[in-house]
C-alpha atoms as a PDB file:
ATOM      1  CA  UNK A   1      40.947 -19.289  -9.023  1.00  0.00           C
ATOM      2  CA  UNK A   2      41.089 -22.161 -11.396  1.00  0.00           C
ATOM      3  CA  UNK A   3      40.202 -25.698 -10.266  1.00  0.00           C
ATOM      4  CA  UNK A   4      43.361 -27.707  -9.411  1.00  0.00           C
ATOM      5  CA  UNK A   5      42.281 -30.653 -11.563  1.00  0.00           C
ATOM      6  CA  UNK A   6      41.769 -28.364 -14.530  1.00  0.00           C
ATOM      7  CA  UNK A   7      45.079 -26.653 -13.813  1.00  0.00           C
ATOM      8  CA  UNK A   8      46.857 -30.016 -13.804  1.00  0.00           C
ATOM      9  CA  UNK A   9      45.195 -31.032 -17.072  1.00  0.00           C
ATOM     10  CA  UNK A  10      46.112 -27.756 -18.758  1.00  0.00           C
ATOM     11  CA  UNK A  11      49.720 -28.158 -17.580  1.00  0.00           C
ATOM     12  CA  UNK A  12      49.631 -31.609 -19.213  1.00  0.00           C
ATOM     13  CA  UNK A  13      48.440 -30.013 -22.447  1.00  0.00           C
ATOM     14  CA  UNK A  14      51.289 -27.496 -22.264  1.00  0.00           C
ATOM     15  CA  UNK A  15      53.603 -30.503 -22.465  1.00  0.00           C
ATOM     16  CA  UNK A  16      51.709 -31.851 -25.478  1.00  0.00           C
ATOM     17  CA  UNK A  17      51.818 -28.543 -27.346  1.00  0.00           C
ATOM     18  CA  UNK A  18      55.472 -28.018 -26.559  1.00  0.00           C
ATOM     19  CA  UNK A  19      56.337 -31.445 -27.739  1.00  0.00           C
ATOM     20  CA  UNK A  20      54.296 -30.866 -30.952  1.00  0.00           C
ATOM     21  CA  UNK A  21      56.352 -27.763 -31.624  1.00  0.00           C
ATOM     22  CA  UNK A  22      59.627 -29.608 -31.134  1.00  0.00           C
ATOM     23  CA  UNK A  23      58.341 -32.599 -33.220  1.00  0.00           C
ATOM     24  CA  UNK A  24      57.524 -30.327 -36.171  1.00  0.00           C
ATOM     25  CA  UNK A  25      60.809 -28.514 -35.750  1.00  0.00           C
ATOM     26  CA  UNK A  26      62.730 -31.811 -35.910  1.00  0.00           C
ATOM     27  CA  UNK A  27      60.684 -32.939 -38.912  1.00  0.00           C
ATOM     28  CA  UNK A  28      61.355 -29.604 -40.652  1.00  0.00           C
ATOM     29  CA  UNK A  29      65.061 -30.078 -40.028  1.00  0.00           C
ATOM     30  CA  UNK A  30      64.852 -33.614 -41.514  1.00  0.00           C
ATOM     31  CA  UNK A  31      63.062 -32.324 -44.581  1.00  0.00           C
ATOM     32  CA  UNK A  32      65.523 -29.486 -45.023  1.00  0.00           C
ATOM     33  CA  UNK A  33      68.467 -31.952 -44.791  1.00  0.00           C
ATOM     34  CA  UNK A  34      66.749 -34.209 -47.366  1.00  0.00           C
ATOM     35  CA  UNK A  35      66.100 -31.596 -50.074  1.00  0.00           C
ATOM     36  CA  UNK A  36      62.431 -31.026 -49.211  1.00  0.00           C
ATOM     37  CA  UNK A  37      62.608 -27.220 -48.848  1.00  0.00           C
ATOM     38  CA  UNK A  38      58.906 -26.722 -49.292  1.00  0.00           C
ATOM     39  CA  UNK A  39      57.979 -29.247 -46.647  1.00  0.00           C
ATOM     40  CA  UNK A  40      60.621 -27.769 -44.321  1.00  0.00           C
ATOM     41  CA  UNK A  41      59.196 -24.296 -44.763  1.00  0.00           C
ATOM     42  CA  UNK A  42      55.707 -25.666 -44.122  1.00  0.00           C
ATOM     43  CA  UNK A  43      56.755 -27.551 -41.006  1.00  0.00           C
ATOM     44  CA  UNK A  44      58.851 -24.649 -39.596  1.00  0.00           C
ATOM     45  CA  UNK A  45      55.695 -22.615 -39.752  1.00  0.00           C
ATOM     46  CA  UNK A  46      53.688 -25.404 -37.984  1.00  0.00           C
ATOM     47  CA  UNK A  47      56.391 -25.673 -35.289  1.00  0.00           C
ATOM     48  CA  UNK A  48      55.884 -22.014 -34.524  1.00  0.00           C
ATOM     49  CA  UNK A  49      52.097 -22.353 -34.620  1.00  0.00           C
ATOM     50  CA  UNK A  50      52.296 -25.163 -32.060  1.00  0.00           C
ATOM     51  CA  UNK A  51      54.569 -23.026 -29.803  1.00  0.00           C
ATOM     52  CA  UNK A  52      51.961 -20.307 -29.979  1.00  0.00           C
ATOM     53  CA  UNK A  53      49.231 -22.783 -29.034  1.00  0.00           C
ATOM     54  CA  UNK A  54      51.308 -23.717 -25.991  1.00  0.00           C
ATOM     55  CA  UNK A  55      51.799 -20.040 -25.096  1.00  0.00           C
ATOM     56  CA  UNK A  56      48.041 -19.466 -25.345  1.00  0.00           C
ATOM     57  CA  UNK A  57      47.553 -22.192 -22.686  1.00  0.00           C
ATOM     58  CA  UNK A  58      50.305 -20.629 -20.526  1.00  0.00           C
ATOM     59  CA  UNK A  59      48.625 -17.206 -20.605  1.00  0.00           C
ATOM     60  CA  UNK A  60      45.145 -18.624 -19.972  1.00  0.00           C
ATOM     61  CA  UNK A  61      46.268 -20.654 -16.947  1.00  0.00           C
ATOM     62  CA  UNK A  62      48.131 -17.774 -15.390  1.00  0.00           C
ATOM     63  CA  UNK A  63      45.279 -15.351 -16.147  1.00  0.00           C
ATOM     64  CA  UNK A  64      42.896 -17.708 -14.272  1.00  0.00           C
ATOM     65  CA  UNK A  65      45.076 -17.654 -11.138  1.00  0.00           C
ATOM     66  CA  UNK A  66      46.798 -20.954 -11.817  1.00  0.00           C
ATOM     67  CA  UNK A  67      50.494 -21.567 -12.425  1.00  0.00           C
ATOM     68  CA  UNK A  68      51.597 -22.677 -15.855  1.00  0.00           C
ATOM     69  CA  UNK A  69      54.634 -24.878 -15.581  1.00  0.00           C
ATOM     70  CA  UNK A  70      57.074 -24.854 -18.447  1.00  0.00           C
ATOM     71  CA  UNK A  71      58.277 -28.480 -18.864  1.00  0.00           C
ATOM     72  CA  UNK A  72      61.344 -30.230 -20.041  1.00  0.00           C
ATOM     73  CA  UNK A  73      60.418 -32.078 -23.222  1.00  0.00           C
ATOM     74  CA  UNK A  74      61.382 -35.440 -24.560  1.00  0.00           C
ATOM     75  CA  UNK A  75      63.471 -35.346 -27.791  1.00  0.00           C
ATOM     76  CA  UNK A  76      61.359 -36.110 -30.921  1.00  0.00           C
ATOM     77  CA  UNK A  77      62.548 -38.643 -33.514  1.00  0.00           C
ATOM     78  CA  UNK A  78      65.145 -37.248 -35.893  1.00  0.00           C
ATOM     79  CA  UNK A  79      65.041 -39.671 -38.823  1.00  0.00           C
ATOM     80  CA  UNK A  80      62.285 -40.837 -41.131  1.00  0.00           C
ATOM     81  CA  UNK A  81      62.232 -43.388 -43.991  1.00  0.00           C
ATOM     82  CA  UNK A  82      60.713 -40.877 -46.372  1.00  0.00           C
ATOM     83  CA  UNK A  83      58.416 -37.839 -46.478  1.00  0.00           C
ATOM     84  CA  UNK A  84      55.299 -39.973 -46.769  1.00  0.00           C
ATOM     85  CA  UNK A  85      56.095 -41.789 -43.507  1.00  0.00           C
ATOM     86  CA  UNK A  86      56.854 -38.431 -41.856  1.00  0.00           C
ATOM     87  CA  UNK A  87      53.415 -37.122 -42.787  1.00  0.00           C
ATOM     88  CA  UNK A  88      51.792 -40.392 -41.628  1.00  0.00           C
ATOM     89  CA  UNK A  89      53.460 -39.717 -38.229  1.00  0.00           C
ATOM     90  CA  UNK A  90      52.144 -36.167 -38.227  1.00  0.00           C
ATOM     91  CA  UNK A  91      48.630 -37.468 -38.853  1.00  0.00           C
ATOM     92  CA  UNK A  92      48.939 -39.934 -35.932  1.00  0.00           C
ATOM     93  CA  UNK A  93      50.267 -37.151 -33.713  1.00  0.00           C
ATOM     94  CA  UNK A  94      47.380 -34.801 -34.608  1.00  0.00           C
ATOM     95  CA  UNK A  95      44.943 -37.521 -33.775  1.00  0.00           C
ATOM     96  CA  UNK A  96      46.638 -37.905 -30.440  1.00  0.00           C
ATOM     97  CA  UNK A  97      46.467 -34.146 -29.821  1.00  0.00           C
ATOM     98  CA  UNK A  98      42.757 -34.204 -30.640  1.00  0.00           C
ATOM     99  CA  UNK A  99      42.209 -36.952 -28.035  1.00  0.00           C
ATOM    100  CA  UNK A 100      44.193 -34.836 -25.467  1.00  0.00           C
ATOM    101  CA  UNK A 101      42.065 -31.777 -26.209  1.00  0.00           C
ATOM    102  CA  UNK A 102      38.850 -33.835 -25.904  1.00  0.00           C
ATOM    103  CA  UNK A 103      40.082 -35.209 -22.530  1.00  0.00           C
ATOM    104  CA  UNK A 104      40.824 -31.687 -21.348  1.00  0.00           C
ATOM    105  CA  UNK A 105      37.267 -30.629 -22.320  1.00  0.00           C
ATOM    106  CA  UNK A 106      35.959 -33.544 -20.413  1.00  0.00           C
ATOM    107  CA  UNK A 107      37.902 -32.604 -17.251  1.00  0.00           C
ATOM    108  CA  UNK A 108      36.697 -28.987 -17.507  1.00  0.00           C
ATOM    109  CA  UNK A 109      33.100 -30.174 -17.892  1.00  0.00           C
ATOM    110  CA  UNK A 110      33.349 -32.639 -15.062  1.00  0.00           C
ATOM    111  CA  UNK A 111      34.721 -29.891 -12.812  1.00  0.00           C
ATOM    112  CA  UNK A 112      31.959 -27.486 -14.065  1.00  0.00           C
ATOM    113  CA  UNK A 113      34.647 -25.065 -15.246  1.00  0.00           C
ATOM    114  CA  UNK A 114      32.613 -23.597 -18.100  1.00  0.00           C
ATOM    115  CA  UNK A 115      35.084 -20.770 -18.658  1.00  0.00           C
ATOM    116  CA  UNK A 116      37.786 -23.320 -19.594  1.00  0.00           C
ATOM    117  CA  UNK A 117      35.320 -25.473 -21.577  1.00  0.00           C
ATOM    118  CA  UNK A 118      34.545 -22.354 -23.585  1.00  0.00           C
ATOM    119  CA  UNK A 119      38.206 -21.411 -23.998  1.00  0.00           C
ATOM    120  CA  UNK A 120      38.925 -24.927 -25.298  1.00  0.00           C
ATOM    121  CA  UNK A 121      36.348 -24.707 -28.156  1.00  0.00           C
ATOM    122  CA  UNK A 122      38.947 -22.877 -30.202  1.00  0.00           C
ATOM    123  CA  UNK A 123      41.323 -25.818 -29.798  1.00  0.00           C
ATOM    124  CA  UNK A 124      38.532 -28.261 -30.646  1.00  0.00           C
ATOM    125  CA  UNK A 125      37.918 -26.533 -33.955  1.00  0.00           C
ATOM    126  CA  UNK A 126      41.675 -26.042 -34.552  1.00  0.00           C
ATOM    127  CA  UNK A 127      42.096 -29.834 -34.315  1.00  0.00           C
ATOM    128  CA  UNK A 128      39.362 -30.392 -36.864  1.00  0.00           C
ATOM    129  CA  UNK A 129      41.275 -28.058 -39.225  1.00  0.00           C
ATOM    130  CA  UNK A 130      44.650 -29.725 -38.443  1.00  0.00           C
ATOM    131  CA  UNK A 131      43.432 -33.240 -39.065  1.00  0.00           C
ATOM    132  CA  UNK A 132      41.679 -32.174 -42.238  1.00  0.00           C
ATOM    133  CA  UNK A 133      44.855 -30.431 -43.456  1.00  0.00           C
ATOM    134  CA  UNK A 134      47.143 -33.370 -42.871  1.00  0.00           C
ATOM    135  CA  UNK A 135      44.596 -35.894 -44.195  1.00  0.00           C
ATOM    136  CA  UNK A 136      44.439 -33.848 -47.368  1.00  0.00           C
ATOM    137  CA  UNK A 137      48.234 -33.769 -47.666  1.00  0.00           C
ATOM    138  CA  UNK A 138      48.380 -37.562 -47.218  1.00  0.00           C
ATOM    139  CA  UNK A 139      45.644 -38.025 -49.811  1.00  0.00           C
ATOM    140  CA  UNK A 140      47.573 -35.939 -52.272  1.00  0.00           C
ATOM    141  CA  UNK A 141      50.733 -37.968 -51.595  1.00  0.00           C
ATOM    142  CA  UNK A 142      48.808 -41.154 -52.219  1.00  0.00           C
ATOM    143  CA  UNK A 143      47.435 -39.689 -55.440  1.00  0.00           C
ATOM    144  CA  UNK A 144      50.810 -38.556 -56.672  1.00  0.00           C
ATOM    145  CA  UNK A 145      52.581 -41.794 -55.666  1.00  0.00           C
ATOM    146  CA  UNK A 146      55.561 -42.511 -53.544  1.00  0.00           C
ATOM    147  CA  UNK A 147      58.165 -42.103 -56.213  1.00  0.00           C
ATOM    148  CA  UNK A 148      60.704 -39.253 -56.475  1.00  0.00           C
ATOM    149  CA  UNK A 149      58.525 -37.248 -58.902  1.00  0.00           C
ATOM    150  CA  UNK A 150      55.521 -37.498 -56.569  1.00  0.00           C
ATOM    151  CA  UNK A 151      57.606 -36.405 -53.606  1.00  0.00           C
ATOM    152  CA  UNK A 152      58.979 -33.487 -55.662  1.00  0.00           C
ATOM    153  CA  UNK A 153      55.470 -32.372 -56.628  1.00  0.00           C
ATOM    154  CA  UNK A 154      54.152 -32.563 -53.041  1.00  0.00           C
ATOM    155  CA  UNK A 155      57.194 -30.600 -51.819  1.00  0.00           C
ATOM    156  CA  UNK A 156      56.268 -27.817 -54.255  1.00  0.00           C
ATOM    157  CA  UNK A 157      52.613 -28.022 -53.095  1.00  0.00           C
ATOM    158  CA  UNK A 158      53.750 -27.734 -49.418  1.00  0.00           C
ATOM    159  CA  UNK A 159      55.933 -24.702 -50.294  1.00  0.00           C
ATOM    160  CA  UNK A 160      52.810 -22.956 -51.615  1.00  0.00           C
ATOM    161  CA  UNK A 161      50.762 -24.015 -48.581  1.00  0.00           C
ATOM    162  CA  UNK A 162      53.384 -22.560 -46.245  1.00  0.00           C
ATOM    163  CA  UNK A 163      53.000 -19.183 -47.982  1.00  0.00           C
ATOM    164  CA  UNK A 164      49.232 -19.190 -47.812  1.00  0.00           C
ATOM    165  CA  UNK A 165      49.178 -20.057 -44.066  1.00  0.00           C
ATOM    166  CA  UNK A 166      52.047 -17.721 -43.024  1.00  0.00           C
ATOM    167  CA  UNK A 167      49.981 -15.980 -40.277  1.00  0.00           C
ATOM    168  CA  UNK A 168      49.705 -18.312 -37.227  1.00  0.00           C
ATOM    169  CA  UNK A 169      46.191 -18.372 -35.634  1.00  0.00           C
ATOM    170  CA  UNK A 170      46.180 -17.508 -31.958  1.00  0.00           C
END
């Protein structure tokens, strides 16, 4: 049976992952409505990836004898100034998720739940990849400039990135 403090912390992370999925879904919809089809495709993929991350936590918690609670989620923002601001918000959100995962590792270690600490290592490395990915996208946006031509080029780049990452990691 899983430790109750660890169970509570994982249920909190289920909220974070579910919100992340909804956030990226809302961002994808904004992109699609603003002629950024490549970014929309990329973010729809990431929305599904975040949903799968949440599901992985649900299964883990239930497999360990806990009870995963599926939460109601706050509505994410629906409007953005431009695509650069949108990706800045993604970067901030990924940094927040990293802090949440690190806190969850801390809880599992404090409770001496080494099974959970081991399970969480996948998420720790996933966050390294996510932050690197979005930092790279922002760097490319800065390099291309925040003009229409730069936004067009980054949209094409994101379309290609969506194709190369089409198989979610779970």
